[in-house]
Amino acid sequence: MKVSRIAHEKKTVELMIRLYCRKKEKNKILCTDCEELLRYAHARLDRCPFGEKKGACKECTVHCYKPVLRERMRQVMRFSGPRMLFYAPWQTIRHLLNL
């Protein structure tokens, strides 16, 4: 059974946010700010105008994130991106290959 692209993106974003919150902010559980960011990211993915044909958000012509939350997500991805290879290698490879 093939997982939808949006579902895959949601899983990847959640892994990145949880890794950031646990390793960078030293929280054992997801803090309120990170939980809010996760809900916001999932909502944006649900409403993506490109649906299953979406590409990388940073290369998108339609920026659907609020500027403050876009910057927060950028910080999360900068921190978590390189570390994802150690914590979720298959998910990272799939994300990098855009499968």
PDB file of N, CA and C in Angstrom:
ATOM      1  N   MET A   1       0.839  -1.181   0.000  1.00  0.00           N
ATOM      2  CA  MET A   1       0.000   0.000   0.000  1.00  0.00           C
ATOM      3  C   MET A   1       0.886   1.247   0.000  1.00  0.00           C
ATOM      4  N   LYS A   2       0.658   2.129  -0.932  1.00  0.00           N
ATOM      5  CA  LYS A   2       1.468   3.338  -1.061  1.00  0.00           C
ATOM      6  C   LYS A   2       0.934   4.436  -0.137  1.00  0.00           C
ATOM      7  N   VAL A   3       1.850   5.040   0.596  1.00  0.00           N
ATOM      8  CA  VAL A   3       1.504   6.143   1.502  1.00  0.00           C
ATOM      9  C   VAL A   3       1.464   7.423   0.680  1.00  0.00           C
ATOM     10  N   SER A   4       0.474   8.269   0.939  1.00  0.00           N
ATOM     11  CA  SER A   4       0.356   9.520   0.186  1.00  0.00           C
ATOM     12  C   SER A   4       1.542  10.436   0.479  1.00  0.00           C
ATOM     13  N   ARG A   5       1.829  11.280  -0.444  1.00  0.00           N
ATOM     14  CA  ARG A   5       2.939  12.228  -0.301  1.00  0.00           C
ATOM     15  C   ARG A   5       2.711  13.156   0.894  1.00  0.00           C
ATOM     16  N   ILE A   6       1.481  13.599   1.070  1.00  0.00           N
ATOM     17  CA  ILE A   6       1.159  14.496   2.184  1.00  0.00           C
ATOM     18  C   ILE A   6       1.378  13.776   3.511  1.00  0.00           C
ATOM     19  N   ALA A   7       0.949  12.522   3.607  1.00  0.00           N
ATOM     20  CA  ALA A   7       1.139  11.743   4.841  1.00  0.00           C
ATOM     21  C   ALA A   7       2.628  11.568   5.124  1.00  0.00           C
ATOM     22  N   HIS A   8       3.411  11.324   4.092  1.00  0.00           N
ATOM     23  CA  HIS A   8       4.868  11.189   4.247  1.00  0.00           C
ATOM     24  C   HIS A   8       5.475  12.505   4.739  1.00  0.00           C
ATOM     25  N   GLU A   9       5.048  13.621   4.148  1.00  0.00           N
ATOM     26  CA  GLU A   9       5.547  14.935   4.565  1.00  0.00           C
ATOM     27  C   GLU A   9       5.187  15.223   6.022  1.00  0.00           C
ATOM     28  N   LYS A  10       3.966  14.880   6.415  1.00  0.00           N
ATOM     29  CA  LYS A  10       3.542  15.093   7.803  1.00  0.00           C
ATOM     30  C   LYS A  10       4.420  14.305   8.765  1.00  0.00           C
ATOM     31  N   LYS A  11       4.716  13.068   8.407  1.00  0.00           N
ATOM     32  CA  LYS A  11       5.550  12.227   9.267  1.00  0.00           C
ATOM     33  C   LYS A  11       6.960  12.808   9.379  1.00  0.00           C
ATOM     34  N   THR A  12       7.513  13.261   8.263  1.00  0.00           N
ATOM     35  CA  THR A  12       8.855  13.836   8.254  1.00  0.00           C
ATOM     36  C   THR A  12       8.911  15.110   9.087  1.00  0.00           C
ATOM     37  N   VAL A  13       7.934  15.986   8.914  1.00  0.00           N
ATOM     38  CA  VAL A  13       7.884  17.235   9.681  1.00  0.00           C
ATOM     39  C   VAL A  13       7.760  16.934  11.172  1.00  0.00           C
ATOM     40  N   GLU A  14       6.933  15.963  11.513  1.00  0.00           N
ATOM     41  CA  GLU A  14       6.771  15.611  12.923  1.00  0.00           C
ATOM     42  C   GLU A  14       8.070  15.076  13.514  1.00  0.00           C
ATOM     43  N   LEU A  15       8.769  14.229  12.775  1.00  0.00           N
ATOM     44  CA  LEU A  15      10.063  13.723  13.248  1.00  0.00           C
ATOM     45  C   LEU A  15      11.038  14.871  13.487  1.00  0.00           C
ATOM     46  N   MET A  16      11.081  15.812  12.555  1.00  0.00           N
ATOM     47  CA  MET A  16      12.007  16.937  12.667  1.00  0.00           C
ATOM     48  C   MET A  16      11.678  17.825  13.869  1.00  0.00           C
ATOM     49  N   ILE A  17      10.410  18.116  14.055  1.00  0.00           N
ATOM     50  CA  ILE A  17      10.007  18.976  15.174  1.00  0.00           C
ATOM     51  C   ILE A  17      10.273  18.274  16.500  1.00  0.00           C
ATOM     52  N   ARG A  18       9.949  16.993  16.589  1.00  0.00           N
ATOM     53  CA  ARG A  18      10.191  16.249  17.834  1.00  0.00           C
ATOM     54  C   ARG A  18      11.686  16.157  18.146  1.00  0.00           C
ATOM     55  N   LEU A  19      12.507  15.949  17.124  1.00  0.00           N
ATOM     56  CA  LEU A  19      13.956  15.889  17.317  1.00  0.00           C
ATOM     57  C   LEU A  19      14.484  17.244  17.802  1.00  0.00           C
ATOM     58  N   TYR A  20      14.018  18.313  17.197  1.00  0.00           N
ATOM     59  CA  TYR A  20      14.423  19.659  17.591  1.00  0.00           C
ATOM     60  C   TYR A  20      14.050  19.931  19.051  1.00  0.00           C
ATOM     61  N   CYS A  21      12.825  19.623  19.401  1.00  0.00           N
ATOM     62  CA  CYS A  21      12.343  19.894  20.754  1.00  0.00           C
ATOM     63  C   CYS A  21      13.116  19.066  21.790  1.00  0.00           C
ATOM     64  N   ARG A  22      13.401  17.813  21.453  1.00  0.00           N
ATOM     65  CA  ARG A  22      14.092  16.929  22.393  1.00  0.00           C
ATOM     66  C   ARG A  22      15.580  17.250  22.511  1.00  0.00           C
ATOM     67  N   LYS A  23      16.247  17.480  21.388  1.00  0.00           N
ATOM     68  CA  LYS A  23      17.704  17.659  21.415  1.00  0.00           C
ATOM     69  C   LYS A  23      18.145  19.114  21.567  1.00  0.00           C
ATOM     70  N   LYS A  24      17.491  20.026  20.909  1.00  0.00           N
ATOM     71  CA  LYS A  24      17.905  21.433  20.963  1.00  0.00           C
ATOM     72  C   LYS A  24      17.338  22.133  22.196  1.00  0.00           C
ATOM     73  N   GLU A  25      16.059  21.893  22.457  1.00  0.00           N
ATOM     74  CA  GLU A  25      15.412  22.576  23.586  1.00  0.00           C
ATOM     75  C   GLU A  25      15.446  21.750  24.868  1.00  0.00           C
ATOM     76  N   LYS A  26      15.926  20.511  24.775  1.00  0.00           N
ATOM     77  CA  LYS A  26      16.098  19.613  25.939  1.00  0.00           C
ATOM     78  C   LYS A  26      14.777  19.286  26.651  1.00  0.00           C
ATOM     79  N   ASN A  27      13.697  19.139  25.895  1.00  0.00           N
ATOM     80  CA  ASN A  27      12.404  18.772  26.468  1.00  0.00           C
ATOM     81  C   ASN A  27      12.169  17.271  26.319  1.00  0.00           C
ATOM     82  N   LYS A  28      11.607  16.657  27.329  1.00  0.00           N
ATOM     83  CA  LYS A  28      11.293  15.226  27.254  1.00  0.00           C
ATOM     84  C   LYS A  28      10.029  14.984  26.445  1.00  0.00           C
ATOM     85  N   ILE A  29       9.097  15.919  26.535  1.00  0.00           N
ATOM     86  CA  ILE A  29       7.886  15.845  25.717  1.00  0.00           C
ATOM     87  C   ILE A  29       7.788  17.119  24.894  1.00  0.00           C
ATOM     88  N   LEU A  30       6.967  17.095  23.862  1.00  0.00           N
ATOM     89  CA  LEU A  30       6.817  18.231  22.972  1.00  0.00           C
ATOM     90  C   LEU A  30       6.311  19.456  23.737  1.00  0.00           C
ATOM     91  N   CYS A  31       7.038  20.549  23.668  1.00  0.00           N
ATOM     92  CA  CYS A  31       6.632  21.781  24.354  1.00  0.00           C
ATOM     93  C   CYS A  31       5.452  22.419  23.611  1.00  0.00           C
ATOM     94  N   THR A  32       4.859  23.395  24.223  1.00  0.00           N
ATOM     95  CA  THR A  32       3.682  24.061  23.664  1.00  0.00           C
ATOM     96  C   THR A  32       3.989  24.712  22.318  1.00  0.00           C
ATOM     97  N   ASP A  33       5.137  25.394  22.216  1.00  0.00           N
ATOM     98  CA  ASP A  33       5.502  26.068  20.964  1.00  0.00           C
ATOM     99  C   ASP A  33       5.701  25.066  19.830  1.00  0.00           C
ATOM    100  N   CYS A  34       6.378  23.967  20.120  1.00  0.00           N
ATOM    101  CA  CYS A  34       6.627  22.954  19.096  1.00  0.00           C
ATOM    102  C   CYS A  34       5.338  22.222  18.715  1.00  0.00           C
ATOM    103  N   GLU A  35       4.479  22.011  19.695  1.00  0.00           N
ATOM    104  CA  GLU A  35       3.181  21.379  19.420  1.00  0.00           C
ATOM    105  C   GLU A  35       2.344  22.279  18.512  1.00  0.00           C
ATOM    106  N   GLU A  36       2.375  23.572  18.768  1.00  0.00           N
ATOM    107  CA  GLU A  36       1.651  24.536  17.933  1.00  0.00           C
ATOM    108  C   GLU A  36       2.219  24.535  16.513  1.00  0.00           C
ATOM    109  N   LEU A  37       3.536  24.515  16.393  1.00  0.00           N
ATOM    110  CA  LEU A  37       4.182  24.483  15.083  1.00  0.00           C
ATOM    111  C   LEU A  37       3.806  23.212  14.331  1.00  0.00           C
ATOM    112  N   LEU A  38       3.772  22.089  15.015  1.00  0.00           N
ATOM    113  CA  LEU A  38       3.406  20.821  14.388  1.00  0.00           C
ATOM    114  C   LEU A  38       1.966  20.865  13.876  1.00  0.00           C
ATOM    115  N   ARG A  39       1.053  21.346  14.697  1.00  0.00           N
ATOM    116  CA  ARG A  39      -0.354  21.451  14.263  1.00  0.00           C
ATOM    117  C   ARG A  39      -0.480  22.390  13.057  1.00  0.00           C
ATOM    118  N   TYR A  40       0.252  23.482  13.099  1.00  0.00           N
ATOM    119  CA  TYR A  40       0.215  24.453  12.003  1.00  0.00           C
ATOM    120  C   TYR A  40       0.769  23.826  10.716  1.00  0.00           C
ATOM    121  N   ALA A  41       1.893  23.123  10.826  1.00  0.00           N
ATOM    122  CA  ALA A  41       2.499  22.482   9.656  1.00  0.00           C
ATOM    123  C   ALA A  41       1.559  21.442   9.058  1.00  0.00           C
ATOM    124  N   HIS A  42       0.918  20.645   9.897  1.00  0.00           N
ATOM    125  CA  HIS A  42      -0.030  19.638   9.408  1.00  0.00           C
ATOM    126  C   HIS A  42      -1.222  20.307   8.716  1.00  0.00           C
ATOM    127  N   ALA A  43      -1.707  21.398   9.280  1.00  0.00           N
ATOM    128  CA  ALA A  43      -2.828  22.124   8.674  1.00  0.00           C
ATOM    129  C   ALA A  43      -2.431  22.694   7.314  1.00  0.00           C
ATOM    130  N   ARG A  44      -1.214  23.243   7.227  1.00  0.00           N
ATOM    131  CA  ARG A  44      -0.737  23.785   5.946  1.00  0.00           C
ATOM    132  C   ARG A  44      -0.607  22.668   4.908  1.00  0.00           C
ATOM    133  N   LEU A  45      -0.107  21.509   5.310  1.00  0.00           N
ATOM    134  CA  LEU A  45       0.015  20.388   4.384  1.00  0.00           C
ATOM    135  C   LEU A  45      -1.355  19.900   3.921  1.00  0.00           C
ATOM    136  N   ASP A  46      -2.329  19.884   4.827  1.00  0.00           N
ATOM    137  CA  ASP A  46      -3.686  19.467   4.458  1.00  0.00           C
ATOM    138  C   ASP A  46      -4.299  20.404   3.431  1.00  0.00           C
ATOM    139  N   ARG A  47      -3.911  21.665   3.484  1.00  0.00           N
ATOM    140  CA  ARG A  47      -4.490  22.671   2.587  1.00  0.00           C
ATOM    141  C   ARG A  47      -3.574  23.042   1.412  1.00  0.00           C
ATOM    142  N   CYS A  48      -2.521  22.290   1.199  1.00  0.00           N
ATOM    143  CA  CYS A  48      -1.581  22.602   0.117  1.00  0.00           C
ATOM    144  C   CYS A  48      -2.311  22.586  -1.228  1.00  0.00           C
ATOM    145  N   PRO A  49      -2.226  23.685  -1.984  1.00  0.00           N
ATOM    146  CA  PRO A  49      -2.938  23.747  -3.261  1.00  0.00           C
ATOM    147  C   PRO A  49      -2.396  22.764  -4.302  1.00  0.00           C
ATOM    148  N   PHE A  50      -1.197  22.256  -4.088  1.00  0.00           N
ATOM    149  CA  PHE A  50      -0.598  21.330  -5.055  1.00  0.00           C
ATOM    150  C   PHE A  50      -0.861  19.869  -4.707  1.00  0.00           C
ATOM    151  N   GLY A  51      -1.377  19.633  -3.521  1.00  0.00           N
ATOM    152  CA  GLY A  51      -1.752  18.277  -3.112  1.00  0.00           C
ATOM    153  C   GLY A  51      -0.621  17.278  -3.258  1.00  0.00           C
ATOM    154  N   GLU A  52      -0.923  16.153  -3.853  1.00  0.00           N
ATOM    155  CA  GLU A  52       0.052  15.069  -4.007  1.00  0.00           C
ATOM    156  C   GLU A  52       1.182  15.417  -4.975  1.00  0.00           C
ATOM    157  N   LYS A  53       1.035  16.474  -5.726  1.00  0.00           N
ATOM    158  CA  LYS A  53       2.071  16.874  -6.692  1.00  0.00           C
ATOM    159  C   LYS A  53       3.010  17.935  -6.122  1.00  0.00           C
ATOM    160  N   LYS A  54       2.916  18.169  -4.805  1.00  0.00           N
ATOM    161  CA  LYS A  54       3.716  19.221  -4.187  1.00  0.00           C
ATOM    162  C   LYS A  54       5.202  18.898  -4.221  1.00  0.00           C
ATOM    163  N   GLY A  55       5.995  19.944  -4.270  1.00  0.00           N
ATOM    164  CA  GLY A  55       7.443  19.816  -4.177  1.00  0.00           C
ATOM    165  C   GLY A  55       7.884  20.280  -2.790  1.00  0.00           C
ATOM    166  N   ALA A  56       9.116  20.660  -2.676  1.00  0.00           N
ATOM    167  CA  ALA A  56       9.640  21.165  -1.401  1.00  0.00           C
ATOM    168  C   ALA A  56       9.029  22.531  -1.108  1.00  0.00           C
ATOM    169  N   CYS A  57       8.633  22.744   0.123  1.00  0.00           N
ATOM    170  CA  CYS A  57       7.994  24.012   0.509  1.00  0.00           C
ATOM    171  C   CYS A  57       8.908  25.211   0.261  1.00  0.00           C
ATOM    172  N   LYS A  58      10.212  25.044   0.512  1.00  0.00           N
ATOM    173  CA  LYS A  58      11.109  26.195   0.349  1.00  0.00           C
ATOM    174  C   LYS A  58      11.230  26.625  -1.112  1.00  0.00           C
ATOM    175  N   GLU A  59      10.881  25.757  -2.053  1.00  0.00           N
ATOM    176  CA  GLU A  59      10.948  26.084  -3.479  1.00  0.00           C
ATOM    177  C   GLU A  59       9.584  26.445  -4.054  1.00  0.00           C
ATOM    178  N   CYS A  60       8.576  26.491  -3.213  1.00  0.00           N
ATOM    179  CA  CYS A  60       7.201  26.721  -3.652  1.00  0.00           C
ATOM    180  C   CYS A  60       6.977  28.175  -4.039  1.00  0.00           C
ATOM    181  N   THR A  61       6.104  28.386  -5.009  1.00  0.00           N
ATOM    182  CA  THR A  61       5.754  29.744  -5.431  1.00  0.00           C
ATOM    183  C   THR A  61       4.698  30.349  -4.519  1.00  0.00           C
ATOM    184  N   VAL A  62       3.965  29.501  -3.786  1.00  0.00           N
ATOM    185  CA  VAL A  62       2.929  29.947  -2.860  1.00  0.00           C
ATOM    186  C   VAL A  62       3.433  29.715  -1.441  1.00  0.00           C
ATOM    187  N   HIS A  63       3.748  30.798  -0.722  1.00  0.00           N
ATOM    188  CA  HIS A  63       4.222  30.644   0.654  1.00  0.00           C
ATOM    189  C   HIS A  63       3.027  30.735   1.585  1.00  0.00           C
ATOM    190  N   CYS A  64       2.592  29.574   2.069  1.00  0.00           N
ATOM    191  CA  CYS A  64       1.375  29.536   2.878  1.00  0.00           C
ATOM    192  C   CYS A  64       1.649  29.654   4.381  1.00  0.00           C
ATOM    193  N   TYR A  65       2.914  29.639   4.777  1.00  0.00           N
ATOM    194  CA  TYR A  65       3.254  29.812   6.199  1.00  0.00           C
ATOM    195  C   TYR A  65       3.300  31.284   6.542  1.00  0.00           C
ATOM    196  N   LYS A  66       2.859  31.617   7.748  1.00  0.00           N
ATOM    197  CA  LYS A  66       3.040  32.975   8.254  1.00  0.00           C
ATOM    198  C   LYS A  66       4.543  33.200   8.403  1.00  0.00           C
ATOM    199  N   PRO A  67       5.040  34.414   8.169  1.00  0.00           N
ATOM    200  CA  PRO A  67       6.487  34.657   8.220  1.00  0.00           C
ATOM    201  C   PRO A  67       7.160  34.195   9.517  1.00  0.00           C
ATOM    202  N   VAL A  68       6.546  34.426  10.661  1.00  0.00           N
ATOM    203  CA  VAL A  68       7.148  34.036  11.937  1.00  0.00           C
ATOM    204  C   VAL A  68       7.266  32.506  12.031  1.00  0.00           C
ATOM    205  N   LEU A  69       6.207  31.808  11.633  1.00  0.00           N
ATOM    206  CA  LEU A  69       6.233  30.351  11.708  1.00  0.00           C
ATOM    207  C   LEU A  69       7.120  29.748  10.620  1.00  0.00           C
ATOM    208  N   ARG A  70       7.231  30.423   9.488  1.00  0.00           N
ATOM    209  CA  ARG A  70       8.140  29.960   8.437  1.00  0.00           C
ATOM    210  C   ARG A  70       9.584  30.029   8.937  1.00  0.00           C
ATOM    211  N   GLU A  71       9.930  31.105   9.632  1.00  0.00           N
ATOM    212  CA  GLU A  71      11.279  31.232  10.199  1.00  0.00           C
ATOM    213  C   GLU A  71      11.517  30.179  11.271  1.00  0.00           C
ATOM    214  N   ARG A  72      10.517  29.925  12.090  1.00  0.00           N
ATOM    215  CA  ARG A  72      10.638  28.891  13.138  1.00  0.00           C
ATOM    216  C   ARG A  72      10.863  27.523  12.496  1.00  0.00           C
ATOM    217  N   MET A  73      10.099  27.220  11.443  1.00  0.00           N
ATOM    218  CA  MET A  73      10.260  25.935  10.753  1.00  0.00           C
ATOM    219  C   MET A  73      11.641  25.852  10.105  1.00  0.00           C
ATOM    220  N   ARG A  74      12.135  26.963   9.602  1.00  0.00           N
ATOM    221  CA  ARG A  74      13.472  26.990   9.008  1.00  0.00           C
ATOM    222  C   ARG A  74      14.524  26.637  10.065  1.00  0.00           C
ATOM    223  N   GLN A  75      14.375  27.177  11.271  1.00  0.00           N
ATOM    224  CA  GLN A  75      15.301  26.856  12.370  1.00  0.00           C
ATOM    225  C   GLN A  75      15.239  25.370  12.715  1.00  0.00           C
ATOM    226  N   VAL A  76      14.029  24.841  12.788  1.00  0.00           N
ATOM    227  CA  VAL A  76      13.843  23.413  13.097  1.00  0.00           C
ATOM    228  C   VAL A  76      14.529  22.563  12.037  1.00  0.00           C
ATOM    229  N   MET A  77      14.328  22.899  10.785  1.00  0.00           N
ATOM    230  CA  MET A  77      14.899  22.093   9.697  1.00  0.00           C
ATOM    231  C   MET A  77      16.421  22.214   9.636  1.00  0.00           C
ATOM    232  N   ARG A  78      16.936  23.385   9.901  1.00  0.00           N
ATOM    233  CA  ARG A  78      18.400  23.551   9.929  1.00  0.00           C
ATOM    234  C   ARG A  78      19.039  22.688  11.007  1.00  0.00           C
ATOM    235  N   PHE A  79      18.387  22.615  12.153  1.00  0.00           N
ATOM    236  CA  PHE A  79      18.921  21.811  13.244  1.00  0.00           C
ATOM    237  C   PHE A  79      18.678  20.322  12.997  1.00  0.00           C
ATOM    238  N   SER A  80      17.461  19.965  12.664  1.00  0.00           N
ATOM    239  CA  SER A  80      17.080  18.553  12.582  1.00  0.00           C
ATOM    240  C   SER A  80      17.519  17.862  11.297  1.00  0.00           C
ATOM    241  N   GLY A  81      17.562  18.602  10.214  1.00  0.00           N
ATOM    242  CA  GLY A  81      17.894  18.002   8.919  1.00  0.00           C
ATOM    243  C   GLY A  81      19.134  17.121   8.942  1.00  0.00           C
ATOM    244  N   PRO A  82      20.284  17.663   9.335  1.00  0.00           N
ATOM    245  CA  PRO A  82      21.507  16.843   9.360  1.00  0.00           C
ATOM    246  C   PRO A  82      21.437  15.690  10.363  1.00  0.00           C
ATOM    247  N   ARG A  83      20.722  15.866  11.445  1.00  0.00           N
ATOM    248  CA  ARG A  83      20.642  14.835  12.487  1.00  0.00           C
ATOM    249  C   ARG A  83      19.662  13.719  12.139  1.00  0.00           C
ATOM    250  N   MET A  84      18.757  13.999  11.243  1.00  0.00           N
ATOM    251  CA  MET A  84      17.753  12.995  10.852  1.00  0.00           C
ATOM    252  C   MET A  84      18.409  11.730  10.312  1.00  0.00           C
ATOM    253  N   LEU A  85      19.537  11.864   9.681  1.00  0.00           N
ATOM    254  CA  LEU A  85      20.221  10.699   9.117  1.00  0.00           C
ATOM    255  C   LEU A  85      20.572   9.689  10.200  1.00  0.00           C
ATOM    256  N   PHE A  86      20.842  10.163  11.414  1.00  0.00           N
ATOM    257  CA  PHE A  86      21.176   9.263  12.521  1.00  0.00           C
ATOM    258  C   PHE A  86      19.945   8.709  13.228  1.00  0.00           C
ATOM    259  N   TYR A  87      18.874   9.499  13.286  1.00  0.00           N
ATOM    260  CA  TYR A  87      17.696   9.101  14.055  1.00  0.00           C
ATOM    261  C   TYR A  87      16.616   8.415  13.214  1.00  0.00           C
ATOM    262  N   ALA A  88      16.546   8.720  11.946  1.00  0.00           N
ATOM    263  CA  ALA A  88      15.554   8.110  11.053  1.00  0.00           C
ATOM    264  C   ALA A  88      16.161   8.023   9.650  1.00  0.00           C
ATOM    265  N   PRO A  89      17.145   7.124   9.468  1.00  0.00           N
ATOM    266  CA  PRO A  89      17.875   7.088   8.203  1.00  0.00           C
ATOM    267  C   PRO A  89      17.008   6.823   6.970  1.00  0.00           C
ATOM    268  N   TRP A  90      16.093   5.888   7.034  1.00  0.00           N
ATOM    269  CA  TRP A  90      15.272   5.571   5.850  1.00  0.00           C
ATOM    270  C   TRP A  90      14.342   6.722   5.509  1.00  0.00           C
ATOM    271  N   GLN A  91      13.777   7.319   6.515  1.00  0.00           N
ATOM    272  CA  GLN A  91      12.894   8.468   6.311  1.00  0.00           C
ATOM    273  C   GLN A  91      13.685   9.621   5.684  1.00  0.00           C
ATOM    274  N   THR A  92      14.911   9.812   6.145  1.00  0.00           N
ATOM    275  CA  THR A  92      15.761  10.887   5.627  1.00  0.00           C
ATOM    276  C   THR A  92      16.116  10.653   4.171  1.00  0.00           C
ATOM    277  N   ILE A  93      16.512   9.447   3.851  1.00  0.00           N
ATOM    278  CA  ILE A  93      16.885   9.112   2.461  1.00  0.00           C
ATOM    279  C   ILE A  93      15.681   9.305   1.540  1.00  0.00           C
ATOM    280  N   ARG A  94      14.534   8.832   1.990  1.00  0.00           N
ATOM    281  CA  ARG A  94      13.314   8.991   1.181  1.00  0.00           C
ATOM    282  C   ARG A  94      12.996  10.473   0.990  1.00  0.00           C
ATOM    283  N   HIS A  95      13.148  11.254   2.039  1.00  0.00           N
ATOM    284  CA  HIS A  95      12.881  12.686   1.962  1.00  0.00           C
ATOM    285  C   HIS A  95      13.859  13.370   0.995  1.00  0.00           C
ATOM    286  N   LEU A  96      15.128  13.022   1.093  1.00  0.00           N
ATOM    287  CA  LEU A  96      16.137  13.632   0.219  1.00  0.00           C
ATOM    288  C   LEU A  96      15.944  13.253  -1.240  1.00  0.00           C
ATOM    289  N   LEU A  97      15.512  12.035  -1.476  1.00  0.00           N
ATOM    290  CA  LEU A  97      15.277  11.578  -2.853  1.00  0.00           C
ATOM    291  C   LEU A  97      13.918  12.029  -3.370  1.00  0.00           C
ATOM    292  N   ASN A  98      13.128  12.623  -2.479  1.00  0.00           N
ATOM    293  CA  ASN A  98      11.814  13.148  -2.837  1.00  0.00           C
ATOM    294  C   ASN A  98      10.884  12.069  -3.375  1.00  0.00           C
ATOM    295  N   LEU A  99      10.881  10.907  -2.709  1.00  0.00           N
ATOM    296  CA  LEU A  99      10.041   9.792  -3.145  1.00  0.00           C
ATOM    297  C   LEU A  99       8.676   9.854  -2.513  1.00  0.00           C
TER     298      LEU A  99
END
